[in-house]
C-alpha atoms as a PDB file:
ATOM      1  CA  MET A   1      56.995  88.916 108.657  1.00  0.00           C
ATOM      2  CA  PHE A   2      58.899  87.186 111.451  1.00  0.00           C
ATOM      3  CA  LYS A   3      61.776  85.301 112.348  1.00  0.00           C
ATOM      4  CA  ILE A   4      60.946  81.607 115.011  1.00  0.00           C
ATOM      5  CA  GLU A   5      64.226  79.441 115.879  1.00  0.00           C
ATOM      6  CA  THR A   6      62.663  75.611 116.290  1.00  0.00           C
ATOM      7  CA  HIS A   7      65.694  73.840 117.968  1.00  0.00           C
ATOM      8  CA  LEU A   8      68.431  75.274 121.004  1.00  0.00           C
ATOM      9  CA  HIS A   9      69.605  74.233 123.709  1.00  0.00           C
ATOM     10  CA  THR A  10      70.496  75.945 127.155  1.00  0.00           C
ATOM     11  CA  LYS A  11      73.569  75.817 129.576  1.00  0.00           C
ATOM     12  CA  HIS A  12      71.443  75.104 132.176  1.00  0.00           C
ATOM     13  CA  VAL A  13      69.497  71.499 131.312  1.00  0.00           C
ATOM     14  CA  SER A  14      72.057  70.460 128.482  1.00  0.00           C
ATOM     15  CA  ARG A  15      75.327  69.091 129.069  1.00  0.00           C
ATOM     16  CA  CYS A  16      76.280  69.847 125.593  1.00  0.00           C
ATOM     17  CA  GLY A  17      74.922  73.515 125.937  1.00  0.00           C
ATOM     18  CA  HIS A  18      77.139  76.287 125.962  1.00  0.00           C
ATOM     19  CA  MET A  19      74.836  79.527 126.722  1.00  0.00           C
ATOM     20  CA  GLU A  20      73.227  81.066 129.475  1.00  0.00           C
ATOM     21  CA  ALA A  21      69.377  82.031 128.920  1.00  0.00           C
ATOM     22  CA  ALA A  22      70.179  85.520 128.839  1.00  0.00           C
ATOM     23  CA  GLU A  23      72.984  85.305 126.163  1.00  0.00           C
ATOM     24  CA  ILE A  24      70.965  82.977 123.975  1.00  0.00           C
ATOM     25  CA  ILE A  25      68.226  85.941 124.203  1.00  0.00           C
ATOM     26  CA  ALA A  26      70.098  89.103 123.376  1.00  0.00           C
ATOM     27  CA  ALA A  27      71.444  86.977 120.548  1.00  0.00           C
ATOM     28  CA  TYR A  28      68.593  86.272 118.857  1.00  0.00           C
ATOM     29  CA  LYS A  29      67.107  89.724 119.779  1.00  0.00           C
ATOM     30  CA  GLN A  30      70.128  91.360 117.967  1.00  0.00           C
ATOM     31  CA  ALA A  31      69.775  88.546 115.084  1.00  0.00           C
ATOM     32  CA  GLY A  32      65.781  90.106 114.415  1.00  0.00           C
ATOM     33  CA  TYR A  33      64.399  86.903 115.528  1.00  0.00           C
ATOM     34  CA  SER A  34      60.827  87.204 117.101  1.00  0.00           C
ATOM     35  CA  ALA A  35      60.713  84.262 118.993  1.00  0.00           C
ATOM     36  CA  VAL A  36      62.767  80.837 119.987  1.00  0.00           C
ATOM     37  CA  ILE A  37      61.450  77.405 120.956  1.00  0.00           C
ATOM     38  CA  ALA A  38      63.416  75.437 124.090  1.00  0.00           C
ATOM     39  CA  THR A  39      64.481  72.055 122.908  1.00  0.00           C
ATOM     40  CA  ASP A  40      66.751  70.702 125.628  1.00  0.00           C
ATOM     41  CA  HIS A  41      68.036  67.080 125.219  1.00  0.00           C
ATOM     42  CA  TYR A  42      65.223  64.915 127.157  1.00  0.00           C
ATOM     43  CA  ASN A  43      67.624  61.995 127.375  1.00  0.00           C
ATOM     44  CA  ARG A  44      69.674  60.339 129.933  1.00  0.00           C
ATOM     45  CA  THR A  45      72.541  62.475 129.535  1.00  0.00           C
ATOM     46  CA  THR A  46      70.643  65.304 130.859  1.00  0.00           C
ATOM     47  CA  PHE A  47      69.290  63.962 133.638  1.00  0.00           C
ATOM     48  CA  ASP A  48      72.874  62.242 134.632  1.00  0.00           C
ATOM     49  CA  TYR A  49      74.040  65.912 134.015  1.00  0.00           C
ATOM     50  CA  LEU A  50      71.184  67.141 136.272  1.00  0.00           C
ATOM     51  CA  GLY A  51      72.381  65.247 138.781  1.00  0.00           C
ATOM     52  CA  ILE A  52      68.369  63.501 138.909  1.00  0.00           C
ATOM     53  CA  ASP A  53      67.338  59.427 138.979  1.00  0.00           C
ATOM     54  CA  PRO A  54      64.861  59.138 136.112  1.00  0.00           C
ATOM     55  CA  ALA A  55      63.212  56.536 137.916  1.00  0.00           C
ATOM     56  CA  ALA A  56      63.248  58.470 141.292  1.00  0.00           C
ATOM     57  CA  SER A  57      59.909  59.432 142.656  1.00  0.00           C
ATOM     58  CA  CYS A  58      60.595  63.225 142.779  1.00  0.00           C
ATOM     59  CA  ASP A  59      59.572  65.574 140.377  1.00  0.00           C
ATOM     60  CA  ARG A  60      61.399  65.186 137.553  1.00  0.00           C
ATOM     61  CA  ILE A  61      60.204  67.422 134.835  1.00  0.00           C
ATOM     62  CA  HIS A  62      60.398  70.897 136.667  1.00  0.00           C
ATOM     63  CA  PRO A  63      64.293  70.975 137.018  1.00  0.00           C
ATOM     64  CA  PHE A  64      64.153  69.786 132.639  1.00  0.00           C
ATOM     65  CA  LEU A  65      62.357  72.524 132.213  1.00  0.00           C
ATOM     66  CA  ASP A  66      64.614  75.139 134.053  1.00  0.00           C
ATOM     67  CA  GLY A  67      66.661  76.239 130.944  1.00  0.00           C
ATOM     68  CA  TYR A  68      62.642  76.937 129.382  1.00  0.00           C
ATOM     69  CA  ARG A  69      61.831  79.188 132.132  1.00  0.00           C
ATOM     70  CA  ARG A  70      65.016  81.129 132.210  1.00  0.00           C
ATOM     71  CA  LEU A  71      64.655  81.801 128.181  1.00  0.00           C
ATOM     72  CA  LYS A  72      60.851  82.483 128.902  1.00  0.00           C
ATOM     73  CA  GLU A  73      61.975  85.044 131.867  1.00  0.00           C
ATOM     74  CA  GLU A  74      64.981  86.993 129.587  1.00  0.00           C
ATOM     75  CA  GLY A  75      62.432  87.056 126.970  1.00  0.00           C
ATOM     76  CA  GLU A  76      59.644  88.888 128.526  1.00  0.00           C
ATOM     77  CA  LYS A  77      62.271  91.126 129.475  1.00  0.00           C
ATOM     78  CA  GLN A  78      63.902  91.617 125.608  1.00  0.00           C
ATOM     79  CA  GLY A  79      60.502  91.587 123.681  1.00  0.00           C
ATOM     80  CA  ILE A  80      61.102  87.700 122.582  1.00  0.00           C
ATOM     81  CA  LYS A  81      58.404  85.119 122.760  1.00  0.00           C
ATOM     82  CA  VAL A  82      59.440  81.610 124.331  1.00  0.00           C
ATOM     83  CA  PHE A  83      57.381  78.316 123.701  1.00  0.00           C
ATOM     84  CA  LYS A  84      58.178  75.151 125.316  1.00  0.00           C
ATOM     85  CA  GLY A  85      59.669  72.119 123.488  1.00  0.00           C
ATOM     86  CA  ALA A  86      62.109  68.876 123.879  1.00  0.00           C
ATOM     87  CA  GLU A  87      64.388  66.750 121.776  1.00  0.00           C
ATOM     88  CA  LEU A  88      63.442  63.617 122.902  1.00  0.00           C
ATOM     89  CA  ARG A  89      65.747  60.313 122.452  1.00  0.00           C
ATOM     90  CA  PHE A  90      65.121  57.106 123.926  1.00  0.00           C
ATOM     91  CA  ASP A  91      66.978  54.019 124.496  1.00  0.00           C
ATOM     92  CA  GLU A  92      66.926  51.935 121.504  1.00  0.00           C
ATOM     93  CA  SER A  93      68.677  54.287 119.443  1.00  0.00           C
ATOM     94  CA  GLU A  94      70.651  58.131 119.156  1.00  0.00           C
ATOM     95  CA  ASN A  95      68.065  59.396 116.704  1.00  0.00           C
ATOM     96  CA  ASP A  96      66.608  62.448 118.373  1.00  0.00           C
ATOM     97  CA  TYR A  97      63.291  63.732 117.865  1.00  0.00           C
ATOM     98  CA  LEU A  98      61.950  67.710 118.461  1.00  0.00           C
ATOM     99  CA  PHE A  99      58.993  68.035 120.393  1.00  0.00           C
ATOM    100  CA  TYR A 100      56.778  70.229 120.261  1.00  0.00           C
ATOM    101  CA  GLY A 101      52.908  71.182 122.176  1.00  0.00           C
ATOM    102  CA  TRP A 102      52.882  68.830 124.890  1.00  0.00           C
ATOM    103  CA  LYS A 103      51.693  69.120 128.471  1.00  0.00           C
ATOM    104  CA  ASN A 104      54.079  68.224 131.243  1.00  0.00           C
ATOM    105  CA  ASP A 105      52.459  65.159 132.409  1.00  0.00           C
ATOM    106  CA  ILE A 106      53.377  63.032 128.982  1.00  0.00           C
ATOM    107  CA  LEU A 107      57.069  63.759 130.298  1.00  0.00           C
ATOM    108  CA  SER A 108      56.803  63.463 133.842  1.00  0.00           C
ATOM    109  CA  ASP A 109      58.339  60.182 133.910  1.00  0.00           C
ATOM    110  CA  PRO A 110      61.796  60.046 132.268  1.00  0.00           C
ATOM    111  CA  GLU A 111      62.328  56.307 132.234  1.00  0.00           C
ATOM    112  CA  ASP A 112      59.256  55.053 131.144  1.00  0.00           C
ATOM    113  CA  VAL A 113      59.802  57.599 128.219  1.00  0.00           C
ATOM    114  CA  PHE A 114      63.136  56.345 127.726  1.00  0.00           C
ATOM    115  CA  ARG A 115      62.250  52.486 127.553  1.00  0.00           C
ATOM    116  CA  MET A 116      59.214  53.210 125.616  1.00  0.00           C
ATOM    117  CA  GLY A 117      60.627  54.078 121.850  1.00  0.00           C
ATOM    118  CA  ILE A 118      59.220  55.829 118.966  1.00  0.00           C
ATOM    119  CA  ALA A 119      57.131  53.293 117.731  1.00  0.00           C
ATOM    120  CA  ASN A 120      55.598  53.383 121.753  1.00  0.00           C
ATOM    121  CA  PHE A 121      55.692  56.862 122.183  1.00  0.00           C
ATOM    122  CA  ALA A 122      54.318  57.852 119.002  1.00  0.00           C
ATOM    123  CA  PRO A 123      50.773  56.863 119.663  1.00  0.00           C
ATOM    124  CA  ILE A 124      50.559  58.527 122.766  1.00  0.00           C
ATOM    125  CA  ALA A 125      52.047  61.514 121.380  1.00  0.00           C
ATOM    126  CA  LYS A 126      49.495  62.106 118.891  1.00  0.00           C
ATOM    127  CA  ALA A 127      46.999  60.892 120.960  1.00  0.00           C
ATOM    128  CA  GLU A 128      47.400  64.121 123.025  1.00  0.00           C
ATOM    129  CA  GLY A 129      47.660  66.127 120.075  1.00  0.00           C
ATOM    130  CA  CYS A 130      51.671  66.776 119.939  1.00  0.00           C
ATOM    131  CA  LEU A 131      54.104  67.101 117.156  1.00  0.00           C
ATOM    132  CA  ILE A 132      56.954  64.880 116.479  1.00  0.00           C
ATOM    133  CA  ILE A 133      60.032  65.948 114.476  1.00  0.00           C
ATOM    134  CA  GLN A 134      63.030  63.785 113.685  1.00  0.00           C
ATOM    135  CA  ALA A 135      65.784  66.100 114.181  1.00  0.00           C
ATOM    136  CA  HIS A 136      69.139  65.330 111.412  1.00  0.00           C
ATOM    137  CA  PRO A 137      67.698  61.818 110.325  1.00  0.00           C
ATOM    138  CA  TYR A 138      70.725  61.133 108.658  1.00  0.00           C
ATOM    139  CA  ARG A 139      73.481  62.837 111.021  1.00  0.00           C
ATOM    140  CA  HIS A 140      76.256  59.915 111.648  1.00  0.00           C
ATOM    141  CA  GLY A 141      74.370  57.638 114.113  1.00  0.00           C
ATOM    142  CA  CYS A 142      70.919  58.324 113.338  1.00  0.00           C
ATOM    143  CA  THR A 143      68.662  56.811 111.345  1.00  0.00           C
ATOM    144  CA  PRO A 144      65.366  58.113 109.568  1.00  0.00           C
ATOM    145  CA  ALA A 145      62.337  56.630 111.748  1.00  0.00           C
ATOM    146  CA  ILE A 146      59.370  54.904 109.917  1.00  0.00           C
ATOM    147  CA  ALA A 147      57.326  57.316 108.517  1.00  0.00           C
ATOM    148  CA  CYS A 148      54.200  56.946 110.500  1.00  0.00           C
ATOM    149  CA  TYR A 149      55.700  57.602 113.540  1.00  0.00           C
ATOM    150  CA  LEU A 150      56.289  60.863 112.904  1.00  0.00           C
ATOM    151  CA  ASP A 151      54.822  64.351 112.091  1.00  0.00           C
ATOM    152  CA  GLY A 152      57.632  66.028 110.439  1.00  0.00           C
ATOM    153  CA  VAL A 153      61.387  66.020 109.722  1.00  0.00           C
ATOM    154  CA  GLU A 154      64.126  68.574 110.154  1.00  0.00           C
ATOM    155  CA  VAL A 155      65.183  69.170 106.660  1.00  0.00           C
ATOM    156  CA  ILE A 156      67.595  72.205 107.540  1.00  0.00           C
ATOM    157  CA  ASN A 157      69.640  71.427 110.774  1.00  0.00           C
ATOM    158  CA  THR A 158      72.582  74.114 110.454  1.00  0.00           C
ATOM    159  CA  SER A 159      75.142  72.943 113.072  1.00  0.00           C
ATOM    160  CA  PRO A 160      78.454  73.441 111.694  1.00  0.00           C
ATOM    161  CA  ARG A 161      80.120  70.802 113.691  1.00  0.00           C
ATOM    162  CA  HIS A 162      78.069  67.569 112.244  1.00  0.00           C
ATOM    163  CA  GLU A 163      77.444  66.757 108.597  1.00  0.00           C
ATOM    164  CA  SER A 164      73.552  66.174 108.548  1.00  0.00           C
ATOM    165  CA  TYR A 165      72.775  65.182 105.144  1.00  0.00           C
ATOM    166  CA  ASN A 166      70.240  68.050 104.672  1.00  0.00           C
ATOM    167  CA  GLU A 167      69.039  66.768 101.120  1.00  0.00           C
ATOM    168  CA  ARG A 168      68.234  63.313 101.735  1.00  0.00           C
ATOM    169  CA  ALA A 169      66.185  64.578 104.709  1.00  0.00           C
ATOM    170  CA  ALA A 170      64.209  66.803 102.070  1.00  0.00           C
ATOM    171  CA  GLU A 171      63.837  63.731 100.089  1.00  0.00           C
ATOM    172  CA  TYR A 172      62.423  61.708 103.066  1.00  0.00           C
ATOM    173  CA  ALA A 173      60.202  64.046 103.929  1.00  0.00           C
ATOM    174  CA  GLU A 174      59.170  64.598 100.699  1.00  0.00           C
ATOM    175  CA  GLN A 175      58.702  60.782  99.856  1.00  0.00           C
ATOM    176  CA  PHE A 176      56.053  60.988 102.560  1.00  0.00           C
ATOM    177  CA  GLY A 177      54.481  64.059 102.926  1.00  0.00           C
ATOM    178  CA  LEU A 178      56.145  64.973 105.874  1.00  0.00           C
ATOM    179  CA  ILE A 179      55.973  68.454 107.825  1.00  0.00           C
ATOM    180  CA  ALA A 180      59.603  70.096 106.566  1.00  0.00           C
ATOM    181  CA  THR A 181      61.356  72.396 109.377  1.00  0.00           C
ATOM    182  CA  SER A 182      64.772  74.413 109.594  1.00  0.00           C
ATOM    183  CA  GLY A 183      66.552  74.753 112.984  1.00  0.00           C
ATOM    184  CA  SER A 184      70.018  76.086 114.146  1.00  0.00           C
ATOM    185  CA  ASP A 185      70.512  73.221 116.982  1.00  0.00           C
ATOM    186  CA  CYS A 186      71.712  75.986 118.697  1.00  0.00           C
ATOM    187  CA  HIS A 187      74.108  75.034 121.295  1.00  0.00           C
ATOM    188  CA  ARG A 188      77.300  77.793 121.286  1.00  0.00           C
ATOM    189  CA  PRO A 189      77.371  81.356 120.075  1.00  0.00           C
ATOM    190  CA  GLU A 190      78.443  80.392 116.710  1.00  0.00           C
ATOM    191  CA  ASP A 191      75.024  78.703 115.812  1.00  0.00           C
ATOM    192  CA  VAL A 192      73.093  81.156 116.843  1.00  0.00           C
ATOM    193  CA  ALA A 193      70.378  82.768 113.872  1.00  0.00           C
ATOM    194  CA  ARG A 194      71.248  79.875 111.417  1.00  0.00           C
ATOM    195  CA  GLY A 195      67.926  78.528 110.601  1.00  0.00           C
ATOM    196  CA  GLY A 196      64.400  78.395 111.770  1.00  0.00           C
ATOM    197  CA  ILE A 197      61.173  79.625 110.392  1.00  0.00           C
ATOM    198  CA  ILE A 198      59.785  82.414 108.943  1.00  0.00           C
ATOM    199  CA  THR A 199      56.076  83.119 109.184  1.00  0.00           C
ATOM    200  CA  SER A 200      53.167  85.959 109.260  1.00  0.00           C
ATOM    201  CA  LYS A 201      52.334  86.163 112.444  1.00  0.00           C
ATOM    202  CA  VAL A 202      53.601  84.819 116.281  1.00  0.00           C
ATOM    203  CA  PRO A 203      51.725  82.972 117.800  1.00  0.00           C
ATOM    204  CA  SER A 204      50.632  83.270 121.336  1.00  0.00           C
ATOM    205  CA  ASP A 205      51.719  80.129 123.331  1.00  0.00           C
ATOM    206  CA  SER A 206      53.334  76.803 122.825  1.00  0.00           C
ATOM    207  CA  MET A 207      50.008  75.151 122.042  1.00  0.00           C
ATOM    208  CA  GLU A 208      49.733  77.695 119.169  1.00  0.00           C
ATOM    209  CA  MET A 209      53.302  77.354 117.736  1.00  0.00           C
ATOM    210  CA  MET A 210      52.548  73.753 117.684  1.00  0.00           C
ATOM    211  CA  ARG A 211      49.442  74.194 115.751  1.00  0.00           C
ATOM    212  CA  LEU A 212      51.362  77.198 113.399  1.00  0.00           C
ATOM    213  CA  ILE A 213      53.745  74.177 112.602  1.00  0.00           C
ATOM    214  CA  ARG A 214      51.328  71.849 111.982  1.00  0.00           C
ATOM    215  CA  SER A 215      49.416  74.269 109.477  1.00  0.00           C
ATOM    216  CA  ARG A 216      52.932  74.069 107.367  1.00  0.00           C
ATOM    217  CA  ASP A 217      52.484  77.942 107.086  1.00  0.00           C
ATOM    218  CA  PHE A 218      55.531  78.594 107.259  1.00  0.00           C
ATOM    219  CA  GLU A 219      59.017  79.446 104.844  1.00  0.00           C
ATOM    220  CA  LEU A 220      62.300  77.927 105.609  1.00  0.00           C
ATOM    221  CA  ILE A 221      65.545  79.879 107.120  1.00  0.00           C
ATOM    222  CA  GLY A 222      68.560  78.317 104.903  1.00  0.00           C
ATOM    223  CA  LYS A 223      66.875  77.115 102.211  1.00  0.00           C
END
């Protein structure tokens, strides 16, 4: 069986991140994980941190993926798979959405994405076959999105600095038949390897990782 982290942030892209790629990979290797998904924050705070105007005409997705690329490079050295993800936030609220199985084009215009909101973005994402999992939907400042816009809910968020009311998230996922996931929400060393999923195989790439989550063929760490 293999352990996979579904929710982590790097210092390279997320302002709230405290760990560099090499440190993250080494820590997860030591903890016995076989793979991680890079889910740096995709929001206005991130682009401000990176010094990029979300409405500029330059390539804005390449710098956003810097953390993912660094993790992938370190993972190749240490034998850990790294998959591409993101944690989206729209202008309309403080809700966060883990986003898996996407091609760069769908997030290439941050200004447009931020203004869309989940109701407008979800149909586009689903048409592309992407997966939207709402992170910590009951944390202070967040509210559960209307279920039809979601594929799943993070029902175990193990961040030690927040009360995520995981039991309520699990009830919401069960009520609407949504995929249930677990994640460490890793920002700092003390967050490493507290959550994630256990699977019988390690996917070969980010798209296969998304399909594995969609299949629900995994167990939750921290359950």
